[in-house]
Amino acid sequence: MAAAMIATHRTRTLAALAALAFFASAQAAPAADPAYADDLSKWRARADASLKRERGWLSIVTRDELSPGTHKFGSAPANQVVLPKALSPAHLGAITVTGDKARLALAPGQQMRTVVKDDAGEEFTTRDLLTGATRLEWVTSGRLSLQFVKREDGKVVVRAADRDSPRRKTFAGRVWYEPKAEFKVPARFVPHAQGATIPIANVRGEISYEKVAGTLEFSVNGQKMSLDALDDEGDLFIIFRDGTSNSTTYPPGRFLVVEKPKDGNWVVDFNKAFNPPCAVSAYTTCPLPPPQNWLRNDVAAGEKYAGRKS
């Protein structure tokens, strides 16, 4: 998918993680260090919370792709977008997709609200939706929330979320390796030419060209490694795969966010490697690691894969 695909995952899954404190010291802090262990524990708790929150990935119950045109939606089977009966009346309204926007018009007697910082905003019956790559809009009514994402191919992806989704209540939490000091290491950042891009495939086989910031070079347990990193407003977003992907971690690969250090000393901490949304939800389209980010060595750190998927 194009930039909207990457932005979606960042917006939904990485927004909470990117706001967390990152340790920018060039010296690897021992995993046994109480301060580091406490900070990492809090970071991981917030990673859990990002999944379990209202309108998080565990709450998504449907996903539809809409081509230009008008699409009726509601719980009746005759609709183009069929929603769960517990969340929607038979006919909730219609979405009209054009080349530059998506317009939501509710059926007579129906009302929804915008979502502003996770709270209900203004009430409406007709609305031009925000569907760009950097601003993703939710609208809500009762248990139901709808998200609209505009793709570069002209289609609009509509996701429905259930605030009372049982998966939010029963989710046992992410499964992690024990923290290991050897997987938090100093790194050398080699920037790429401004505007450089690399191809990124997603699980649907679609290719997009994403802005690459540069390459991180480092050593783990005496083994030299390198990873290409996408630009994330100055920070680095890494999609990688390693030897554990065949056994204990998510097979397609994992994500890692590295914040830009204030003192110029980059640090890669694989104890913070985490699974993409596809590891827990069937209603997302995740990017895959580019071939140069397939590490031959095992990176037995960060999040494991428990096989839970809707």
Protein backbone atom coordinates (compact mmCIF):
# COMPACT_ATOMS: atom_id res chain seq x y z
CA MET A 1 0.00 0.00 0.00
CA ALA A 2 1.15 3.55 -0.34
CA ALA A 3 2.00 6.08 2.35
CA ALA A 4 -1.49 5.77 3.87
CA MET A 5 -0.77 2.13 4.74
CA ILE A 6 2.39 3.01 6.66
CA ALA A 7 0.69 6.02 8.25
CA THR A 8 -2.21 3.88 9.40
CA HIS A 9 0.00 1.53 11.32
CA ARG A 10 1.96 4.38 12.76
CA THR A 11 -1.15 6.27 13.71
CA ARG A 12 -2.92 3.26 15.31
CA THR A 13 -0.16 1.21 16.70
CA LEU A 14 3.00 3.40 16.87
CA ALA A 15 1.55 6.67 18.09
CA ALA A 16 1.44 5.46 21.70
CA LEU A 17 4.90 3.85 21.41
CA ALA A 18 6.60 6.82 19.78
CA ALA A 19 5.52 9.06 22.65
CA LEU A 20 7.42 6.92 25.15
CA ALA A 21 10.86 7.82 26.45
CA PHE A 22 13.75 6.27 24.51
CA PHE A 23 17.16 5.84 26.05
CA ALA A 24 19.63 7.65 23.87
CA SER A 25 22.87 6.82 25.70
CA ALA A 26 25.57 5.34 23.51
CA GLN A 27 26.35 2.82 26.24
CA ALA A 28 24.10 -0.22 26.51
CA ALA A 29 22.37 -0.23 29.89
CA PRO A 30 22.45 -3.61 31.62
CA ALA A 31 19.11 -5.33 31.48
CA ALA A 32 19.53 -6.12 35.18
CA ASP A 33 19.72 -2.42 36.00
CA PRO A 34 16.61 -1.68 38.10
CA ALA A 35 15.95 1.70 36.45
CA TYR A 36 16.16 0.24 32.95
CA ALA A 37 14.04 -2.78 33.90
CA ASP A 38 11.37 -0.51 35.40
CA ASP A 39 11.26 1.77 32.37
CA LEU A 40 11.09 -1.18 30.00
CA SER A 41 8.29 -2.74 32.03
CA LYS A 42 6.30 0.50 31.79
CA TRP A 43 7.00 0.74 28.06
CA ARG A 44 5.72 -2.77 27.51
CA ALA A 45 2.62 -2.09 29.61
CA ARG A 46 1.85 0.86 27.34
CA ALA A 47 2.40 -1.34 24.30
CA ASP A 48 -0.32 -3.65 25.71
CA ALA A 49 -2.56 -0.67 26.37
CA SER A 50 -2.19 0.51 22.76
CA LEU A 51 -3.83 -2.74 21.62
CA LYS A 52 -6.54 -2.85 24.26
CA ARG A 53 -7.67 0.76 24.03
CA GLU A 54 -10.99 1.75 22.54
CA ARG A 55 -10.69 1.66 18.75
CA GLY A 56 -7.40 -0.23 19.10
CA TRP A 57 -6.61 -3.19 16.85
CA LEU A 58 -8.37 -5.66 19.16
CA SER A 59 -11.65 -3.81 18.65
CA ILE A 60 -11.70 -3.99 14.83
CA VAL A 61 -14.47 -6.27 13.55
CA THR A 62 -14.74 -5.56 9.80
CA ARG A 63 -12.69 -4.12 6.95
CA ASP A 64 -14.00 -3.10 3.51
CA GLU A 65 -12.40 -1.48 0.46
CA LEU A 66 -14.61 0.95 -1.43
CA SER A 67 -14.03 2.01 -5.02
CA PRO A 68 -15.32 5.39 -6.28
CA GLY A 69 -19.13 5.43 -6.12
CA THR A 70 -21.87 5.29 -3.50
CA HIS A 71 -21.98 2.43 -1.02
CA LYS A 72 -24.81 1.77 1.43
CA PHE A 73 -23.89 0.49 4.86
CA GLY A 74 -25.69 -1.07 7.82
CA SER A 75 -26.47 -4.53 9.20
CA ALA A 76 -28.86 -5.59 6.41
CA PRO A 77 -27.24 -8.15 4.05
CA ALA A 78 -28.21 -6.08 0.99
CA ASN A 79 -25.79 -3.28 1.96
CA GLN A 80 -22.43 -2.98 0.22
CA VAL A 81 -20.81 -2.59 3.67
CA VAL A 82 -22.41 -5.05 6.08
CA LEU A 83 -21.91 -4.27 9.77
CA PRO A 84 -22.62 -6.55 12.77
CA LYS A 85 -26.26 -6.45 13.87
CA ALA A 86 -25.27 -5.63 17.44
CA LEU A 87 -23.55 -2.45 16.27
CA SER A 88 -25.76 -0.99 13.55
CA PRO A 89 -29.36 -0.62 12.38
CA ALA A 90 -30.32 -2.28 9.12
CA HIS A 91 -29.65 0.92 7.17
CA LEU A 92 -27.21 3.37 8.76
CA GLY A 93 -26.41 5.47 5.71
CA ALA A 94 -24.24 5.70 2.60
CA ILE A 95 -20.63 6.59 1.78
CA THR A 96 -19.88 8.31 -1.51
CA VAL A 97 -16.26 8.02 -2.65
CA THR A 98 -14.95 10.43 -5.28
CA GLY A 99 -11.49 11.21 -6.54
CA ASP A 100 -10.64 13.61 -3.76
CA LYS A 101 -12.94 12.87 -0.83
CA ALA A 102 -15.39 10.57 0.90
CA ARG A 103 -18.80 11.88 1.99
CA LEU A 104 -20.82 10.15 4.70
CA ALA A 105 -24.60 10.69 4.65
CA LEU A 106 -26.62 9.01 7.40
CA ALA A 107 -30.11 7.59 6.90
CA PRO A 108 -33.08 9.59 8.25
CA GLY A 109 -33.21 9.43 12.04
CA GLN A 110 -29.55 8.36 12.39
CA GLN A 111 -26.81 10.46 13.96
CA MET A 112 -23.12 9.95 14.66
CA ARG A 113 -20.35 11.97 16.31
CA THR A 114 -16.79 12.74 15.36
CA VAL A 115 -14.00 11.49 17.62
CA VAL A 116 -11.65 14.10 19.05
CA LYS A 117 -8.70 12.74 21.05
CA ASP A 118 -10.67 9.56 21.85
CA ASP A 119 -13.69 11.56 23.05
CA ALA A 120 -16.99 12.13 21.26
CA GLY A 121 -17.02 15.40 19.34
CA GLU A 122 -19.67 17.18 17.28
CA GLU A 123 -22.84 15.45 16.17
CA PHE A 124 -23.64 15.19 12.45
CA THR A 125 -25.90 13.58 9.87
CA THR A 126 -23.77 14.41 6.80
CA ARG A 127 -20.01 14.89 6.75
CA ASP A 128 -17.03 15.12 4.40
CA LEU A 129 -14.52 12.75 5.97
CA LEU A 130 -10.83 13.25 6.60
CA THR A 131 -9.13 10.38 4.78
CA GLY A 132 -5.56 11.56 4.17
CA ALA A 133 -2.35 9.75 5.03
CA THR A 134 -1.56 11.93 8.05
CA ARG A 135 -5.03 12.59 9.46
CA LEU A 136 -7.25 9.56 9.96
CA GLU A 137 -10.79 10.18 11.15
CA TRP A 138 -13.08 8.11 13.37
CA VAL A 139 -16.81 8.65 13.76
CA THR A 140 -18.88 6.90 16.39
CA SER A 141 -22.36 6.00 17.63
CA GLY A 142 -22.99 3.72 20.59
CA ARG A 143 -20.70 0.69 20.41
CA LEU A 144 -19.82 1.35 16.76
CA SER A 145 -16.90 3.40 15.46
CA LEU A 146 -15.92 3.76 11.80
CA GLN A 147 -12.52 4.73 10.41
CA PHE A 148 -11.89 5.88 6.84
CA VAL A 149 -8.50 5.74 5.12
CA LYS A 150 -7.95 6.99 1.56
CA ARG A 151 -5.49 4.96 -0.52
CA GLU A 152 -3.44 6.23 -3.44
CA ASP A 153 -5.32 3.91 -5.80
CA GLY A 154 -8.49 5.91 -5.11
CA LYS A 155 -10.12 3.34 -2.85
CA VAL A 156 -11.25 4.11 0.68
CA VAL A 157 -10.69 1.52 3.40
CA VAL A 158 -13.47 1.44 6.01
CA ARG A 159 -12.83 -0.28 9.34
CA ALA A 160 -15.52 -0.86 11.96
CA ALA A 161 -14.65 -1.13 15.64
CA ASP A 162 -16.71 -2.44 18.56
CA ARG A 163 -16.04 -0.70 21.87
CA ASP A 164 -17.36 -3.80 23.68
CA SER A 165 -15.32 -6.26 21.66
CA PRO A 166 -14.70 -9.38 23.80
CA ARG A 167 -11.12 -9.47 22.55
CA ARG A 168 -10.38 -6.22 24.38
CA LYS A 169 -11.50 -7.81 27.63
CA THR A 170 -9.96 -11.24 27.20
CA PHE A 171 -6.61 -10.27 25.65
CA ALA A 172 -3.94 -11.91 27.79
CA GLY A 173 -1.27 -9.40 26.83
CA ARG A 174 1.77 -9.48 24.60
CA VAL A 175 4.38 -12.17 25.25
CA TRP A 176 7.95 -10.94 25.66
CA TYR A 177 11.45 -12.29 25.93
CA GLU A 178 13.19 -11.49 29.18
CA PRO A 179 15.21 -8.26 28.83
CA LYS A 180 18.76 -8.87 27.65
CA ALA A 181 21.52 -6.27 27.80
CA GLU A 182 23.30 -7.60 24.72
CA PHE A 183 20.33 -6.60 22.54
CA LYS A 184 20.54 -2.91 23.47
CA VAL A 185 23.53 -1.59 21.56
CA PRO A 186 25.06 1.63 20.21
CA ALA A 187 24.63 2.15 16.48
CA ARG A 188 26.09 4.21 13.64
CA PHE A 189 23.55 6.00 11.47
CA VAL A 190 24.41 6.40 7.79
CA PRO A 191 21.92 8.79 6.14
CA HIS A 192 20.70 8.18 2.60
CA ALA A 193 20.31 10.90 0.00
CA GLN A 194 17.44 13.24 0.73
CA GLY A 195 14.27 11.99 -0.89
CA ALA A 196 15.57 8.44 -1.38
CA THR A 197 12.94 5.69 -1.30
CA ILE A 198 12.88 1.91 -1.05
CA PRO A 199 10.13 -0.50 -2.15
CA ILE A 200 8.03 -1.93 0.68
CA ALA A 201 5.63 -4.80 0.02
CA ASN A 202 2.61 -5.56 2.18
CA VAL A 203 0.82 -8.81 3.01
CA ARG A 204 -1.51 -8.32 0.02
CA GLY A 205 1.41 -8.21 -2.41
CA GLU A 206 1.08 -4.46 -3.04
CA ILE A 207 4.24 -2.37 -3.40
CA SER A 208 4.76 1.19 -2.23
CA TYR A 209 7.88 3.35 -2.28
CA GLU A 210 8.61 4.77 1.16
CA LYS A 211 11.04 7.48 2.19
CA VAL A 212 14.15 5.87 3.68
CA ALA A 213 16.10 7.93 6.20
CA GLY A 214 19.25 5.81 6.19
CA THR A 215 20.93 2.69 7.51
CA LEU A 216 21.74 1.77 11.11
CA GLU A 217 24.95 -0.23 11.53
CA PHE A 218 25.67 -2.07 14.79
CA SER A 219 26.95 -5.30 16.32
CA VAL A 220 25.10 -7.82 18.47
CA ASN A 221 27.10 -10.51 20.26
CA GLY A 222 30.04 -9.77 17.99
CA GLN A 223 27.98 -10.09 14.79
CA LYS A 224 27.84 -7.07 12.51
CA MET A 225 24.33 -6.15 11.35
CA SER A 226 22.59 -3.33 9.50
CA LEU A 227 18.98 -2.26 8.96
CA ASP A 228 17.42 0.24 6.58
CA ALA A 229 15.12 2.63 8.44
CA LEU A 230 12.14 4.58 7.14
CA ASP A 231 11.85 8.23 8.05
CA ASP A 232 9.26 8.90 10.76
CA GLU A 233 9.39 12.67 11.19
CA GLY A 234 13.01 12.53 12.33
CA ASP A 235 12.74 9.25 14.21
CA LEU A 236 13.35 5.87 12.58
CA PHE A 237 10.80 3.16 11.81
CA ILE A 238 12.28 -0.27 11.10
CA ILE A 239 10.60 -3.37 9.66
CA PHE A 240 12.81 -6.42 10.10
CA ARG A 241 12.91 -10.19 10.18
CA ASP A 242 15.46 -12.48 11.86
CA GLY A 243 16.23 -16.11 12.61
CA THR A 244 13.59 -16.34 15.33
CA SER A 245 10.85 -15.57 12.79
CA ASN A 246 10.81 -19.29 11.99
CA SER A 247 10.23 -20.29 15.61
CA THR A 248 9.35 -17.93 18.45
CA THR A 249 8.51 -14.58 16.85
CA TYR A 250 5.92 -13.42 14.31
CA PRO A 251 6.84 -15.12 10.98
CA PRO A 252 6.44 -12.13 8.61
CA GLY A 253 8.60 -9.86 10.82
CA ARG A 254 8.51 -7.25 13.55
CA PHE A 255 8.66 -3.47 14.01
CA LEU A 256 11.13 -1.30 15.90
CA VAL A 257 10.98 2.43 16.59
CA VAL A 258 14.23 4.32 17.29
CA GLU A 259 13.91 7.90 18.42
CA LYS A 260 16.39 10.48 17.17
CA PRO A 261 18.90 11.02 20.02
CA LYS A 262 19.50 14.48 21.41
CA ASP A 263 23.25 13.88 21.80
CA GLY A 264 23.82 12.26 18.40
CA ASN A 265 24.46 8.78 19.82
CA TRP A 266 22.03 6.31 18.26
CA VAL A 267 20.95 3.23 20.20
CA VAL A 268 19.13 0.15 18.90
CA ASP A 269 17.14 -1.66 21.59
CA PHE A 270 15.66 -4.94 20.36
CA ASN A 271 14.06 -5.42 23.78
CA LYS A 272 11.47 -3.01 22.32
CA ALA A 273 10.87 -4.91 19.08
CA PHE A 274 7.12 -5.49 18.71
CA ASN A 275 4.68 -7.27 16.42
CA PRO A 276 2.74 -5.52 13.65
CA PRO A 277 -1.05 -5.26 13.95
CA CYS A 278 -1.45 -8.26 11.62
CA ALA A 279 -0.23 -10.48 14.47
CA VAL A 280 -3.48 -9.84 16.37
CA SER A 281 -5.98 -8.67 13.74
CA ALA A 282 -7.18 -10.01 10.41
CA TYR A 283 -8.47 -6.54 9.49
CA THR A 284 -5.24 -4.72 8.72
CA THR A 285 -2.69 -4.68 5.90
CA CYS A 286 0.83 -4.72 7.30
CA PRO A 287 4.10 -3.84 5.55
CA LEU A 288 6.72 -6.56 5.22
CA PRO A 289 10.48 -6.30 5.80
CA PRO A 290 12.49 -5.45 2.70
CA PRO A 291 15.04 -8.15 1.77
CA GLN A 292 17.97 -6.14 3.14
CA ASN A 293 16.30 -6.19 6.58
CA TRP A 294 16.23 -9.98 6.82
CA LEU A 295 18.81 -10.66 9.52
CA ARG A 296 20.44 -14.08 9.37
CA ASN A 297 21.12 -14.14 13.10
CA ASP A 298 18.61 -14.80 15.87
CA VAL A 299 17.38 -11.67 17.67
CA ALA A 300 15.87 -13.38 20.72
CA ALA A 301 14.59 -10.16 22.25
CA GLY A 302 11.40 -8.12 22.28
CA GLU A 303 7.95 -9.51 21.54
CA LYS A 304 7.27 -13.18 20.84
CA TYR A 305 4.30 -14.53 18.88
CA ALA A 306 1.58 -16.40 20.73
CA GLY A 307 -0.42 -17.22 17.61
CA ARG A 308 -3.47 -15.14 18.62
CA LYS A 309 -5.32 -13.77 15.63
CA SER A 310 -8.93 -12.83 14.99
